[in-house]
Amino acid sequence: MGDMKRQTNTSPRRRRTVRRATAIALAAATAVLGLTACDDSDNKSAAGGDRSDVGAPPASAPSADSKASGTGTGTKNQKLGKLLWMGDSIAEAEAPAIGAAMKAGGTEFKSMAAAGGGGVLGPPELAQSTWDQLPNELGSFKPNVVVYQITSYDWGKPEEQRVGYERLVKTVNDAGAELLIVSAPPFLIDGFYKPHEADIKTAPKSAKEVADKHPGKVRFLDAAALWGTDNAADKAQRSKDHIHSCPQGSAAFAQWLATDLAKKYGYTPAPVDQWATGSWTGDKVYLKLDCK
């Protein structure tokens, strides 16, 4: 995305901003929890009854299973021990909330999302820094799961995109981790992105094609279910720049992602009120976005 301009904030203003962001983040994450519960109910009805592999126990009341697996209790999550987060500056703005949600659930979290880069294909000068860093992160952090959010720089023809994602699958799998590729939220296609609009649109499809080829090694998750497809719509929860998210949008995404991971790996995510009002809402990344 390039470097975002830092906004100057007085201490009283910052305190008011953080308090307001904290309240809104909790409300946003709680709303997502309600939508997820509705989706689970619909899935169960469509399947003709309850199924053990659909949905998760209510987040407001950690079950005995969640305690046994170390989730929602501050102890280690035995089913999802470590998560590495990847992406560009859009992912960087989501990272504080995801980290808070994961840590509350007993999962160690690390982000290598980077402003002005973070992708695995596209401009070589940007992608190469990711490939230089990734082996070191995989070797030192040793994640169980790597989540890569498609970046705004994943440019190239579909075949080039597939090559990049195939390389990512192999690199992550060879390190003993599973890969989850998540589509990016809708963002403003301005003059900078306009020449690459077709590439940006094909990237999710290319990623899904790669995921479909490697079941059990990589999954694809379409975030349009949360954000929609219009960056200007309220559902997209974009900041003033119509690209990044403020704490409330990041909290909603963190809750949505945490719920998906909990279903996949069989544990109960931490209750929203254990993490959505934390100090992460005052992270400097949101000051750059002039979040209220």
Foldseek 3Di string as FASTA:
>chain_A
DPDFAFDDDDPVRLVVLLQVLLVLQLVLQVVLLVVQVVVLVVVQVVVPHDDPLGFDPRQVDFDPQLVVQQFQPQAARVLWAEEEEFEELQSVQLVLLLCLQQNSTRHHYDYPYYHPARDCDADCVRNVVNVVCVVVCCVPVVGQEYEYEHYLRCADDLVRLLVSLLVVLVSQVVSNHAYEYEYFQAADCDPVSVVRVVRSVCNLVSNCVNCVVDPPRYYYHYCCVQQPHDLPDVSNQAFPRSHHHASNNSSNVSSVVQRVVCSVRPGRGHRSVSGSNDPSNSDSSNSSRVRD
